[in-house]
Amino acid sequence: MTKQERANEIVAILEELYPETPIPLTHQDPYTLLVAVLLSAQCTDERVNKVTPFLFEQANNPQEMVEMNVDDIKAIIRPCGLSPRKSKAIHELSQIILDKHGGEVPQSFADLEAMPGVGHKTASVVMSQAFGVPAFPVDTHIHRLAYRWKLSTGKNVEKTEADLKRLFPRESWNKLHLQIIFFGREYCPARGHDPYKCPICSKFGRKTLFK
């Protein structure tokens, strides 16, 4: 079986298991999504979703956020980890959105990645999930699964993203990256993974994926 044939089989399995792909981070608009994605770095979506209601009750737009003290932001988001850095980034990017983008989250990778705390993965999530622009955000989970399923060499996330974009149709990227995340959490975890019970790994067999 070729890599492309394996990729096609994986899409069929994911589509059957996850025909709908709700965005896992609770948000109301592109700005609150941007903040939530920034908070999700080295933190679970579940924890972020417990913290953001308290943060967005105080400030759910750039103007209100810059009016908050950075220490107050830090106190609210502390459970998400890296709160000194994240609180400073949230405050600064909110000011940039006001000063340079008329109070609206910019719809460009370059403008997003120019803001503090916003890397390529975060920008990709916002562009795909907030604005519907085809993107393939690769986090550590997708990076790991792409290597496990032999869809990429797994040398780095940039290489993995390029490999996946070549394998899958552009129109499928936004949905597929969420499907892979959902599947990894439910069936294909980093630890305690049983390849014989995993709907994807068991299909291709130990010799294919685990030699």
C-alpha atoms as a PDB file:
ATOM      1  CA  MET A   1       0.000   0.000   0.000  1.00  0.00           C
ATOM      2  CA  THR A   2       1.388   3.395  -0.954  1.00  0.00           C
ATOM      3  CA  LYS A   3       1.511   6.355   1.410  1.00  0.00           C
ATOM      4  CA  GLN A   4      -1.253   8.051  -0.604  1.00  0.00           C
ATOM      5  CA  GLU A   5      -3.463   4.950  -0.413  1.00  0.00           C
ATOM      6  CA  ARG A   6      -2.904   4.799   3.339  1.00  0.00           C
ATOM      7  CA  ALA A   7      -3.770   8.481   3.633  1.00  0.00           C
ATOM      8  CA  ASN A   8      -7.008   7.925   1.703  1.00  0.00           C
ATOM      9  CA  GLU A   9      -7.945   5.019   3.993  1.00  0.00           C
ATOM     10  CA  ILE A  10      -7.256   7.168   7.049  1.00  0.00           C
ATOM     11  CA  VAL A  11      -9.547   9.916   5.737  1.00  0.00           C
ATOM     12  CA  ALA A  12     -12.343   7.383   5.246  1.00  0.00           C
ATOM     13  CA  ILE A  13     -11.973   6.110   8.817  1.00  0.00           C
ATOM     14  CA  LEU A  14     -11.876   9.611  10.293  1.00  0.00           C
ATOM     15  CA  GLU A  15     -14.872  10.722   8.263  1.00  0.00           C
ATOM     16  CA  GLU A  16     -16.884   7.769   9.520  1.00  0.00           C
ATOM     17  CA  LEU A  17     -15.916   8.355  13.154  1.00  0.00           C
ATOM     18  CA  TYR A  18     -16.046  12.169  13.143  1.00  0.00           C
ATOM     19  CA  PRO A  19     -18.451  13.466  10.484  1.00  0.00           C
ATOM     20  CA  GLU A  20     -18.851  16.636  12.536  1.00  0.00           C
ATOM     21  CA  THR A  21     -15.899  18.541  13.961  1.00  0.00           C
ATOM     22  CA  PRO A  22     -16.895  21.175  16.531  1.00  0.00           C
ATOM     23  CA  ILE A  23     -14.112  23.564  17.462  1.00  0.00           C
ATOM     24  CA  PRO A  24     -12.881  22.345  20.867  1.00  0.00           C
ATOM     25  CA  LEU A  25     -12.019  25.785  22.249  1.00  0.00           C
ATOM     26  CA  THR A  26     -15.015  27.791  23.462  1.00  0.00           C
ATOM     27  CA  HIS A  27     -15.112  31.226  21.850  1.00  0.00           C
ATOM     28  CA  GLN A  28     -17.495  33.856  20.464  1.00  0.00           C
ATOM     29  CA  ASP A  29     -15.514  35.471  17.653  1.00  0.00           C
ATOM     30  CA  PRO A  30     -12.044  35.612  16.075  1.00  0.00           C
ATOM     31  CA  TYR A  31     -10.608  37.639  18.955  1.00  0.00           C
ATOM     32  CA  THR A  32     -11.735  35.291  21.716  1.00  0.00           C
ATOM     33  CA  LEU A  33     -10.579  32.336  19.599  1.00  0.00           C
ATOM     34  CA  LEU A  34      -7.147  33.946  19.192  1.00  0.00           C
ATOM     35  CA  VAL A  35      -6.828  34.413  22.940  1.00  0.00           C
ATOM     36  CA  ALA A  36      -8.049  30.880  23.656  1.00  0.00           C
ATOM     37  CA  VAL A  37      -5.595  29.339  21.190  1.00  0.00           C
ATOM     38  CA  LEU A  38      -2.742  31.343  22.688  1.00  0.00           C
ATOM     39  CA  LEU A  39      -3.717  30.056  26.133  1.00  0.00           C
ATOM     40  CA  SER A  40      -3.810  26.461  24.875  1.00  0.00           C
ATOM     41  CA  ALA A  41      -0.031  26.346  24.370  1.00  0.00           C
ATOM     42  CA  GLN A  42       1.246  23.599  26.690  1.00  0.00           C
ATOM     43  CA  CYS A  43      -2.231  23.393  28.210  1.00  0.00           C
ATOM     44  CA  THR A  44      -5.274  21.224  27.578  1.00  0.00           C
ATOM     45  CA  ASP A  45      -8.337  22.572  25.793  1.00  0.00           C
ATOM     46  CA  GLU A  46     -10.416  21.442  28.752  1.00  0.00           C
ATOM     47  CA  ARG A  47      -8.485  23.638  31.145  1.00  0.00           C
ATOM     48  CA  VAL A  48      -8.565  26.597  28.772  1.00  0.00           C
ATOM     49  CA  ASN A  49     -12.345  26.277  28.516  1.00  0.00           C
ATOM     50  CA  LYS A  50     -12.581  26.471  32.295  1.00  0.00           C
ATOM     51  CA  VAL A  51     -10.482  29.641  32.449  1.00  0.00           C
ATOM     52  CA  THR A  52     -11.719  31.695  29.507  1.00  0.00           C
ATOM     53  CA  PRO A  53     -15.260  32.317  30.831  1.00  0.00           C
ATOM     54  CA  PHE A  54     -13.748  34.226  33.764  1.00  0.00           C
ATOM     55  CA  LEU A  55     -11.339  36.116  31.510  1.00  0.00           C
ATOM     56  CA  PHE A  56     -13.943  37.000  28.887  1.00  0.00           C
ATOM     57  CA  GLU A  57     -16.377  38.130  31.570  1.00  0.00           C
ATOM     58  CA  GLN A  58     -13.841  40.856  32.335  1.00  0.00           C
ATOM     59  CA  ALA A  59     -12.709  41.502  28.767  1.00  0.00           C
ATOM     60  CA  ASN A  60     -13.910  39.857  25.562  1.00  0.00           C
ATOM     61  CA  ASN A  61     -12.551  42.414  23.093  1.00  0.00           C
ATOM     62  CA  PRO A  62      -9.230  44.190  22.553  1.00  0.00           C
ATOM     63  CA  GLN A  63     -10.331  47.507  24.057  1.00  0.00           C
ATOM     64  CA  GLU A  64     -11.451  45.963  27.327  1.00  0.00           C
ATOM     65  CA  MET A  65      -8.341  43.759  27.458  1.00  0.00           C
ATOM     66  CA  VAL A  66      -5.888  46.665  27.198  1.00  0.00           C
ATOM     67  CA  GLU A  67      -7.791  48.415  29.968  1.00  0.00           C
ATOM     68  CA  MET A  68      -7.025  45.484  32.264  1.00  0.00           C
ATOM     69  CA  ASN A  69      -3.814  45.320  34.257  1.00  0.00           C
ATOM     70  CA  VAL A  70      -1.426  42.606  33.036  1.00  0.00           C
ATOM     71  CA  ASP A  71      -1.209  41.238  36.584  1.00  0.00           C
ATOM     72  CA  ASP A  72      -4.985  40.858  36.681  1.00  0.00           C
ATOM     73  CA  ILE A  73      -4.914  38.933  33.407  1.00  0.00           C
ATOM     74  CA  LYS A  74      -2.095  36.791  34.787  1.00  0.00           C
ATOM     75  CA  ALA A  75      -4.063  35.952  37.915  1.00  0.00           C
ATOM     76  CA  ILE A  76      -7.044  34.740  35.892  1.00  0.00           C
ATOM     77  CA  ILE A  77      -5.088  32.641  33.395  1.00  0.00           C
ATOM     78  CA  ARG A  78      -2.596  31.150  35.891  1.00  0.00           C
ATOM     79  CA  PRO A  79      -4.162  27.634  35.683  1.00  0.00           C
ATOM     80  CA  CYS A  80      -3.198  27.524  31.984  1.00  0.00           C
ATOM     81  CA  GLY A  81       0.502  27.770  32.774  1.00  0.00           C
ATOM     82  CA  LEU A  82       3.130  30.217  31.500  1.00  0.00           C
ATOM     83  CA  SER A  83       0.876  32.990  32.789  1.00  0.00           C
ATOM     84  CA  PRO A  84       3.535  35.751  32.959  1.00  0.00           C
ATOM     85  CA  ARG A  85       4.391  35.341  29.294  1.00  0.00           C
ATOM     86  CA  LYS A  86       0.845  34.686  28.081  1.00  0.00           C
ATOM     87  CA  SER A  87      -0.718  37.595  29.990  1.00  0.00           C
ATOM     88  CA  LYS A  88       1.865  40.008  28.568  1.00  0.00           C
ATOM     89  CA  ALA A  89       1.298  38.663  25.051  1.00  0.00           C
ATOM     90  CA  ILE A  90      -2.503  38.934  25.319  1.00  0.00           C
ATOM     91  CA  HIS A  91      -2.255  42.535  26.526  1.00  0.00           C
ATOM     92  CA  GLU A  92       0.263  43.522  23.848  1.00  0.00           C
ATOM     93  CA  LEU A  93      -1.474  41.836  20.915  1.00  0.00           C
ATOM     94  CA  SER A  94      -4.742  43.468  21.952  1.00  0.00           C
ATOM     95  CA  GLN A  95      -3.059  46.863  21.721  1.00  0.00           C
ATOM     96  CA  ILE A  96      -1.622  45.973  18.316  1.00  0.00           C
ATOM     97  CA  ILE A  97      -5.069  44.941  17.065  1.00  0.00           C
ATOM     98  CA  LEU A  98      -6.400  48.328  18.151  1.00  0.00           C
ATOM     99  CA  ASP A  99      -3.478  50.354  16.809  1.00  0.00           C
ATOM    100  CA  LYS A 100      -2.810  48.588  13.521  1.00  0.00           C
ATOM    101  CA  HIS A 101      -5.949  46.672  12.579  1.00  0.00           C
ATOM    102  CA  GLY A 102      -8.894  48.856  13.559  1.00  0.00           C
ATOM    103  CA  GLY A 103      -9.841  46.678  16.491  1.00  0.00           C
ATOM    104  CA  GLU A 104     -10.354  43.566  14.335  1.00  0.00           C
ATOM    105  CA  VAL A 105      -8.240  40.398  14.255  1.00  0.00           C
ATOM    106  CA  PRO A 106      -6.289  40.525  10.978  1.00  0.00           C
ATOM    107  CA  GLN A 107      -7.072  37.900   8.362  1.00  0.00           C
ATOM    108  CA  SER A 108      -3.504  37.258   7.273  1.00  0.00           C
ATOM    109  CA  PHE A 109      -0.834  34.815   8.387  1.00  0.00           C
ATOM    110  CA  ALA A 110       1.850  37.504   8.276  1.00  0.00           C
ATOM    111  CA  ASP A 111      -0.082  39.955  10.451  1.00  0.00           C
ATOM    112  CA  LEU A 112      -1.064  37.273  12.955  1.00  0.00           C
ATOM    113  CA  GLU A 113       2.438  35.840  13.238  1.00  0.00           C
ATOM    114  CA  ALA A 114       3.840  39.330  13.761  1.00  0.00           C
ATOM    115  CA  MET A 115       1.966  39.602  17.061  1.00  0.00           C
ATOM    116  CA  PRO A 116       3.500  38.493  20.379  1.00  0.00           C
ATOM    117  CA  GLY A 117       2.680  34.959  21.454  1.00  0.00           C
ATOM    118  CA  VAL A 118       1.312  34.010  18.033  1.00  0.00           C
ATOM    119  CA  GLY A 119       3.317  31.392  16.168  1.00  0.00           C
ATOM    120  CA  HIS A 120       2.506  29.674  12.905  1.00  0.00           C
ATOM    121  CA  LYS A 121       0.368  26.987  14.547  1.00  0.00           C
ATOM    122  CA  THR A 122      -1.764  29.544  16.416  1.00  0.00           C
ATOM    123  CA  ALA A 123      -2.124  31.663  13.278  1.00  0.00           C
ATOM    124  CA  SER A 124      -3.140  28.566  11.311  1.00  0.00           C
ATOM    125  CA  VAL A 125      -5.860  27.689  13.814  1.00  0.00           C
ATOM    126  CA  VAL A 126      -7.288  31.210  13.703  1.00  0.00           C
ATOM    127  CA  MET A 127      -7.140  31.433   9.921  1.00  0.00           C
ATOM    128  CA  SER A 128      -8.812  28.049   9.476  1.00  0.00           C
ATOM    129  CA  GLN A 129     -11.367  28.076  12.275  1.00  0.00           C
ATOM    130  CA  ALA A 130     -12.244  31.758  12.438  1.00  0.00           C
ATOM    131  CA  PHE A 131     -11.938  32.743   8.780  1.00  0.00           C
ATOM    132  CA  GLY A 132     -12.291  29.461   6.872  1.00  0.00           C
ATOM    133  CA  VAL A 133      -8.943  29.823   5.108  1.00  0.00           C
ATOM    134  CA  PRO A 134      -7.476  26.401   4.280  1.00  0.00           C
ATOM    135  CA  ALA A 135      -4.677  25.642   6.744  1.00  0.00           C
ATOM    136  CA  PHE A 136      -3.279  22.566   8.436  1.00  0.00           C
ATOM    137  CA  PRO A 137      -2.302  23.485  12.003  1.00  0.00           C
ATOM    138  CA  VAL A 138       0.177  20.888  13.253  1.00  0.00           C
ATOM    139  CA  ASP A 139       0.446  20.565  17.010  1.00  0.00           C
ATOM    140  CA  THR A 140       2.456  17.938  18.884  1.00  0.00           C
ATOM    141  CA  HIS A 141      -0.429  15.446  18.654  1.00  0.00           C
ATOM    142  CA  ILE A 142      -0.796  15.670  14.869  1.00  0.00           C
ATOM    143  CA  HIS A 143       2.988  15.628  14.523  1.00  0.00           C
ATOM    144  CA  ARG A 144       3.143  12.409  16.557  1.00  0.00           C
ATOM    145  CA  LEU A 145       0.310  10.688  14.706  1.00  0.00           C
ATOM    146  CA  ALA A 146       1.627  11.622  11.261  1.00  0.00           C
ATOM    147  CA  TYR A 147       4.883   9.903  12.211  1.00  0.00           C
ATOM    148  CA  ARG A 148       3.136   6.903  13.766  1.00  0.00           C
ATOM    149  CA  TRP A 149       0.994   6.438  10.650  1.00  0.00           C
ATOM    150  CA  LYS A 150       4.060   6.918   8.422  1.00  0.00           C
ATOM    151  CA  LEU A 151       2.591   9.919   6.649  1.00  0.00           C
ATOM    152  CA  SER A 152       5.674  12.005   7.480  1.00  0.00           C
ATOM    153  CA  THR A 153       9.224  11.470   8.651  1.00  0.00           C
ATOM    154  CA  GLY A 154       8.427  13.423  11.821  1.00  0.00           C
ATOM    155  CA  LYS A 155      11.676  15.435  11.791  1.00  0.00           C
ATOM    156  CA  ASN A 156       9.868  18.668  12.743  1.00  0.00           C
ATOM    157  CA  VAL A 157       6.383  20.178  12.638  1.00  0.00           C
ATOM    158  CA  GLU A 158       7.194  22.254   9.557  1.00  0.00           C
ATOM    159  CA  LYS A 159       8.102  19.137   7.584  1.00  0.00           C
ATOM    160  CA  THR A 160       5.025  17.325   8.903  1.00  0.00           C
ATOM    161  CA  GLU A 161       2.763  20.188   7.828  1.00  0.00           C
ATOM    162  CA  ALA A 162       4.251  20.205   4.328  1.00  0.00           C
ATOM    163  CA  ASP A 163       3.938  16.418   4.028  1.00  0.00           C
ATOM    164  CA  LEU A 164       0.301  16.403   5.127  1.00  0.00           C
ATOM    165  CA  LYS A 165      -0.604  19.247   2.798  1.00  0.00           C
ATOM    166  CA  ARG A 166       0.795  17.246  -0.105  1.00  0.00           C
ATOM    167  CA  LEU A 167      -1.147  14.116   0.844  1.00  0.00           C
ATOM    168  CA  PHE A 168      -4.577  15.588   1.524  1.00  0.00           C
ATOM    169  CA  PRO A 169      -6.820  17.832  -0.622  1.00  0.00           C
ATOM    170  CA  ARG A 170      -6.696  21.507   0.317  1.00  0.00           C
ATOM    171  CA  GLU A 171     -10.456  21.602   0.909  1.00  0.00           C
ATOM    172  CA  SER A 172     -10.139  18.902   3.594  1.00  0.00           C
ATOM    173  CA  TRP A 173      -7.417  20.524   5.706  1.00  0.00           C
ATOM    174  CA  ASN A 174      -9.558  22.527   8.133  1.00  0.00           C
ATOM    175  CA  LYS A 175     -11.758  19.592   9.051  1.00  0.00           C
ATOM    176  CA  LEU A 176      -9.080  16.935   8.892  1.00  0.00           C
ATOM    177  CA  HIS A 177      -6.746  18.488  11.419  1.00  0.00           C
ATOM    178  CA  LEU A 178      -9.578  18.484  13.971  1.00  0.00           C
ATOM    179  CA  GLN A 179     -10.522  14.902  13.086  1.00  0.00           C
ATOM    180  CA  ILE A 180      -6.949  13.777  13.706  1.00  0.00           C
ATOM    181  CA  ILE A 181      -6.878  15.556  17.078  1.00  0.00           C
ATOM    182  CA  PHE A 182     -10.165  13.966  18.143  1.00  0.00           C
ATOM    183  CA  PHE A 183      -9.004  10.530  16.994  1.00  0.00           C
ATOM    184  CA  GLY A 184      -5.673  10.811  18.782  1.00  0.00           C
ATOM    185  CA  ARG A 185      -7.322  11.662  22.058  1.00  0.00           C
ATOM    186  CA  GLU A 186      -9.843   8.832  21.846  1.00  0.00           C
ATOM    187  CA  TYR A 187      -7.994   6.000  20.118  1.00  0.00           C
ATOM    188  CA  CYS A 188      -4.313   6.738  19.524  1.00  0.00           C
ATOM    189  CA  PRO A 189      -2.722   8.341  22.620  1.00  0.00           C
ATOM    190  CA  ALA A 190       0.995   8.804  23.134  1.00  0.00           C
ATOM    191  CA  ARG A 191       0.990   6.513  26.159  1.00  0.00           C
ATOM    192  CA  GLY A 192      -0.872   3.289  26.757  1.00  0.00           C
ATOM    193  CA  HIS A 193      -1.666   2.913  23.081  1.00  0.00           C
ATOM    194  CA  ASP A 194      -2.828  -0.527  21.948  1.00  0.00           C
ATOM    195  CA  PRO A 195      -2.265  -0.747  18.166  1.00  0.00           C
ATOM    196  CA  TYR A 196      -4.517  -3.792  17.931  1.00  0.00           C
ATOM    197  CA  LYS A 197      -7.509  -1.857  19.297  1.00  0.00           C
ATOM    198  CA  CYS A 198      -6.844   1.355  17.385  1.00  0.00           C
ATOM    199  CA  PRO A 199      -9.167   1.620  14.332  1.00  0.00           C
ATOM    200  CA  ILE A 200      -6.354   3.015  12.177  1.00  0.00           C
ATOM    201  CA  CYS A 201      -3.260   1.210  13.461  1.00  0.00           C
ATOM    202  CA  SER A 202      -5.028  -2.154  13.584  1.00  0.00           C
ATOM    203  CA  LYS A 203      -6.210  -1.752  10.006  1.00  0.00           C
ATOM    204  CA  PHE A 204      -2.712  -1.434   8.583  1.00  0.00           C
ATOM    205  CA  GLY A 205      -1.162  -4.033  10.853  1.00  0.00           C
ATOM    206  CA  ARG A 206       1.916  -4.143  12.995  1.00  0.00           C
ATOM    207  CA  LYS A 207       4.283  -4.821  10.096  1.00  0.00           C
ATOM    208  CA  THR A 208       3.070  -1.725   8.272  1.00  0.00           C
ATOM    209  CA  LEU A 209       3.149   0.812  11.082  1.00  0.00           C
ATOM    210  CA  PHE A 210       5.310  -0.625  13.814  1.00  0.00           C
ATOM    211  CA  LYS A 211       8.270  -2.333  12.221  1.00  0.00           C
END
